[in-house]
Amino acid sequence: MAKVKIQRQQESELPSLITMSFINKSTDYQQGSQPARRLTTHSVQRVDITAPLVLTDIKAKNIVEKLLYNTWVKRDKFSFRLGRKYAYLEPTDIITLVDKESNFTYTVRITKKVDARSGEIEL
């Protein structure tokens, strides 16, 4: 496998709290708010989202929890080059990367594909 570059976003740049405002179906369509908080971080970043959606409290809580979780899961960015043999790979494909030195396995989703001049594919 080609050399993989891993870039990790700093914890201080990621939100510790995301709050979503929405139209609450359970309270006669008044504005509602649901927070999602990450407890194990030193970050003080906050994100406020206003969604013009009619939701229940439970549905809004599920959405905001997923947003926070995905923000933290996506903090690692991988980049590498492969030969033309792997030209079939496309953005949104999910692949497994294995680091033979450390025996770590990463499951990643391809978000960008660039054909390099050398005939390789940069993912």
C-alpha atoms as a PDB file:
ATOM      1  CA  MET A   1       0.000   0.000   0.000  1.00  0.00           C
ATOM      2  CA  ALA A   2       1.114   3.566  -0.658  1.00  0.00           C
ATOM      3  CA  LYS A   3       2.267   5.876   2.102  1.00  0.00           C
ATOM      4  CA  VAL A   4      -0.736   7.336   3.890  1.00  0.00           C
ATOM      5  CA  LYS A   5      -0.651  10.866   5.271  1.00  0.00           C
ATOM      6  CA  ILE A   6      -2.900  11.384   8.276  1.00  0.00           C
ATOM      7  CA  GLN A   7      -3.924  14.884   9.292  1.00  0.00           C
ATOM      8  CA  ARG A   8      -5.868  15.329  12.532  1.00  0.00           C
ATOM      9  CA  GLN A   9      -7.881  18.442  13.283  1.00  0.00           C
ATOM     10  CA  GLN A  10      -7.032  19.922  16.672  1.00  0.00           C
ATOM     11  CA  GLU A  11      -9.427  19.276  19.518  1.00  0.00           C
ATOM     12  CA  SER A  12      -9.671  22.994  20.288  1.00  0.00           C
ATOM     13  CA  GLU A  13     -11.162  23.583  16.804  1.00  0.00           C
ATOM     14  CA  LEU A  14     -13.973  21.062  17.290  1.00  0.00           C
ATOM     15  CA  PRO A  15     -17.232  21.877  19.072  1.00  0.00           C
ATOM     16  CA  SER A  16     -17.904  20.687  22.588  1.00  0.00           C
ATOM     17  CA  LEU A  17     -21.538  21.791  22.262  1.00  0.00           C
ATOM     18  CA  ILE A  18     -23.956  21.895  19.347  1.00  0.00           C
ATOM     19  CA  THR A  19     -27.393  23.393  19.902  1.00  0.00           C
ATOM     20  CA  MET A  20     -30.146  23.064  17.329  1.00  0.00           C
ATOM     21  CA  SER A  21     -33.231  25.290  17.266  1.00  0.00           C
ATOM     22  CA  PHE A  22     -36.275  23.901  15.473  1.00  0.00           C
ATOM     23  CA  ILE A  23     -40.068  24.080  15.305  1.00  0.00           C
ATOM     24  CA  ASN A  24     -41.363  21.805  18.045  1.00  0.00           C
ATOM     25  CA  LYS A  25     -44.394  19.773  17.040  1.00  0.00           C
ATOM     26  CA  SER A  26     -45.034  18.779  20.672  1.00  0.00           C
ATOM     27  CA  THR A  27     -45.478  22.370  21.873  1.00  0.00           C
ATOM     28  CA  ASP A  28     -47.945  23.742  19.305  1.00  0.00           C
ATOM     29  CA  TYR A  29     -45.177  24.576  16.827  1.00  0.00           C
ATOM     30  CA  GLN A  30     -43.271  26.883  19.146  1.00  0.00           C
ATOM     31  CA  GLN A  31     -39.500  27.122  18.848  1.00  0.00           C
ATOM     32  CA  GLY A  32     -37.668  24.284  20.536  1.00  0.00           C
ATOM     33  CA  SER A  33     -34.022  23.690  21.259  1.00  0.00           C
ATOM     34  CA  GLN A  34     -31.930  20.550  21.753  1.00  0.00           C
ATOM     35  CA  PRO A  35     -28.267  20.468  22.825  1.00  0.00           C
ATOM     36  CA  ALA A  36     -25.624  17.803  22.324  1.00  0.00           C
ATOM     37  CA  ARG A  37     -22.534  18.046  24.500  1.00  0.00           C
ATOM     38  CA  ARG A  38     -19.201  16.250  24.402  1.00  0.00           C
ATOM     39  CA  LEU A  39     -18.016  15.884  27.978  1.00  0.00           C
ATOM     40  CA  THR A  40     -14.484  14.594  27.449  1.00  0.00           C
ATOM     41  CA  THR A  41     -12.858  17.580  25.789  1.00  0.00           C
ATOM     42  CA  HIS A  42     -11.084  20.798  26.666  1.00  0.00           C
ATOM     43  CA  SER A  43     -12.638  22.548  23.682  1.00  0.00           C
ATOM     44  CA  VAL A  44     -14.889  25.525  24.345  1.00  0.00           C
ATOM     45  CA  GLN A  45     -16.219  25.840  20.776  1.00  0.00           C
ATOM     46  CA  ARG A  46     -19.983  26.042  20.355  1.00  0.00           C
ATOM     47  CA  VAL A  47     -22.121  25.687  17.253  1.00  0.00           C
ATOM     48  CA  ASP A  48     -25.698  26.952  17.028  1.00  0.00           C
ATOM     49  CA  ILE A  49     -27.915  25.666  14.241  1.00  0.00           C
ATOM     50  CA  THR A  50     -31.348  26.960  13.285  1.00  0.00           C
ATOM     51  CA  ALA A  51     -33.303  24.375  11.326  1.00  0.00           C
ATOM     52  CA  PRO A  52     -36.624  25.396   9.720  1.00  0.00           C
ATOM     53  CA  LEU A  53     -37.970  21.907  10.390  1.00  0.00           C
ATOM     54  CA  VAL A  54     -40.947  20.626  12.337  1.00  0.00           C
ATOM     55  CA  LEU A  55     -39.603  17.946  14.685  1.00  0.00           C
ATOM     56  CA  THR A  56     -40.313  16.243  17.958  1.00  0.00           C
ATOM     57  CA  ASP A  57     -37.846  16.617  20.815  1.00  0.00           C
ATOM     58  CA  ILE A  58     -36.618  13.044  20.362  1.00  0.00           C
ATOM     59  CA  LYS A  59     -36.017  13.417  16.618  1.00  0.00           C
ATOM     60  CA  ALA A  60     -34.202  16.736  17.109  1.00  0.00           C
ATOM     61  CA  LYS A  61     -32.045  15.223  19.862  1.00  0.00           C
ATOM     62  CA  ASN A  62     -31.103  12.315  17.579  1.00  0.00           C
ATOM     63  CA  ILE A  63     -30.126  14.701  14.772  1.00  0.00           C
ATOM     64  CA  VAL A  64     -27.985  16.965  16.947  1.00  0.00           C
ATOM     65  CA  GLU A  65     -26.255  13.994  18.629  1.00  0.00           C
ATOM     66  CA  LYS A  66     -25.372  12.559  15.206  1.00  0.00           C
ATOM     67  CA  LEU A  67     -24.041  15.934  14.050  1.00  0.00           C
ATOM     68  CA  LEU A  68     -21.748  16.172  17.060  1.00  0.00           C
ATOM     69  CA  TYR A  69     -20.601  12.569  16.739  1.00  0.00           C
ATOM     70  CA  ASN A  70     -19.871  12.924  13.004  1.00  0.00           C
ATOM     71  CA  THR A  71     -17.919  16.132  13.571  1.00  0.00           C
ATOM     72  CA  TRP A  72     -15.563  14.316  15.924  1.00  0.00           C
ATOM     73  CA  VAL A  73     -15.329  11.118  13.873  1.00  0.00           C
ATOM     74  CA  LYS A  74     -14.402  13.080  10.745  1.00  0.00           C
ATOM     75  CA  ARG A  75     -11.519  14.898  12.437  1.00  0.00           C
ATOM     76  CA  ASP A  76      -8.939  12.601  10.802  1.00  0.00           C
ATOM     77  CA  LYS A  77      -8.157  13.198   7.117  1.00  0.00           C
ATOM     78  CA  PHE A  78      -6.249  10.596   5.108  1.00  0.00           C
ATOM     79  CA  SER A  79      -4.505  11.172   1.779  1.00  0.00           C
ATOM     80  CA  PHE A  80      -2.603   8.701  -0.371  1.00  0.00           C
ATOM     81  CA  ARG A  81      -1.862   7.706  -3.955  1.00  0.00           C
ATOM     82  CA  LEU A  82      -2.664   4.434  -5.673  1.00  0.00           C
ATOM     83  CA  GLY A  83      -1.957   2.989  -9.100  1.00  0.00           C
ATOM     84  CA  ARG A  84      -4.417   2.857 -12.006  1.00  0.00           C
ATOM     85  CA  LYS A  85      -5.440  -0.608 -10.806  1.00  0.00           C
ATOM     86  CA  TYR A  86      -7.691   1.193  -8.313  1.00  0.00           C
ATOM     87  CA  ALA A  87      -9.273   3.591 -10.825  1.00  0.00           C
ATOM     88  CA  TYR A  88     -12.672   2.067 -10.058  1.00  0.00           C
ATOM     89  CA  LEU A  89     -12.723   3.747  -6.630  1.00  0.00           C
ATOM     90  CA  GLU A  90     -14.997   6.771  -6.447  1.00  0.00           C
ATOM     91  CA  PRO A  91     -15.951   9.373  -3.832  1.00  0.00           C
ATOM     92  CA  THR A  92     -18.418   7.912  -1.289  1.00  0.00           C
ATOM     93  CA  ASP A  93     -16.779   4.460  -1.527  1.00  0.00           C
ATOM     94  CA  ILE A  94     -15.754   3.011   1.817  1.00  0.00           C
ATOM     95  CA  ILE A  95     -12.411   1.242   1.973  1.00  0.00           C
ATOM     96  CA  THR A  96     -10.145  -0.286   4.608  1.00  0.00           C
ATOM     97  CA  LEU A  97      -6.568   0.894   5.077  1.00  0.00           C
ATOM     98  CA  VAL A  98      -4.125  -1.347   6.922  1.00  0.00           C
ATOM     99  CA  ASP A  99      -0.907   0.002   8.420  1.00  0.00           C
ATOM    100  CA  LYS A 100       1.417  -3.011   8.392  1.00  0.00           C
ATOM    101  CA  GLU A 101       3.956  -1.367  10.692  1.00  0.00           C
ATOM    102  CA  SER A 102       1.574  -0.602  13.554  1.00  0.00           C
ATOM    103  CA  ASN A 103      -1.108  -3.175  12.693  1.00  0.00           C
ATOM    104  CA  PHE A 104      -3.804  -0.470  12.775  1.00  0.00           C
ATOM    105  CA  THR A 105      -6.822  -0.744  10.506  1.00  0.00           C
ATOM    106  CA  TYR A 106      -8.748   2.324   9.374  1.00  0.00           C
ATOM    107  CA  THR A 107     -12.141   2.278   7.694  1.00  0.00           C
ATOM    108  CA  VAL A 108     -12.418   5.425   5.593  1.00  0.00           C
ATOM    109  CA  ARG A 109     -14.795   6.998   3.107  1.00  0.00           C
ATOM    110  CA  ILE A 110     -13.361   8.512  -0.038  1.00  0.00           C
ATOM    111  CA  THR A 111     -14.363  12.165  -0.340  1.00  0.00           C
ATOM    112  CA  LYS A 112     -12.139  13.307  -3.211  1.00  0.00           C
ATOM    113  CA  LYS A 113     -10.436  11.675  -6.179  1.00  0.00           C
ATOM    114  CA  VAL A 114      -7.812  13.350  -8.384  1.00  0.00           C
ATOM    115  CA  ASP A 115      -6.037  11.806 -11.367  1.00  0.00           C
ATOM    116  CA  ALA A 116      -2.368  12.714 -10.965  1.00  0.00           C
ATOM    117  CA  ARG A 117      -0.112  13.394 -13.936  1.00  0.00           C
ATOM    118  CA  SER A 118       2.068  10.455 -12.997  1.00  0.00           C
ATOM    119  CA  GLY A 119      -0.802   8.100 -13.813  1.00  0.00           C
ATOM    120  CA  GLU A 120      -1.599   7.543 -10.165  1.00  0.00           C
ATOM    121  CA  ILE A 121      -4.835   8.331  -8.419  1.00  0.00           C
ATOM    122  CA  GLU A 122      -4.786  10.623  -5.408  1.00  0.00           C
ATOM    123  CA  LEU A 123      -7.490   9.937  -2.834  1.00  0.00           C
END
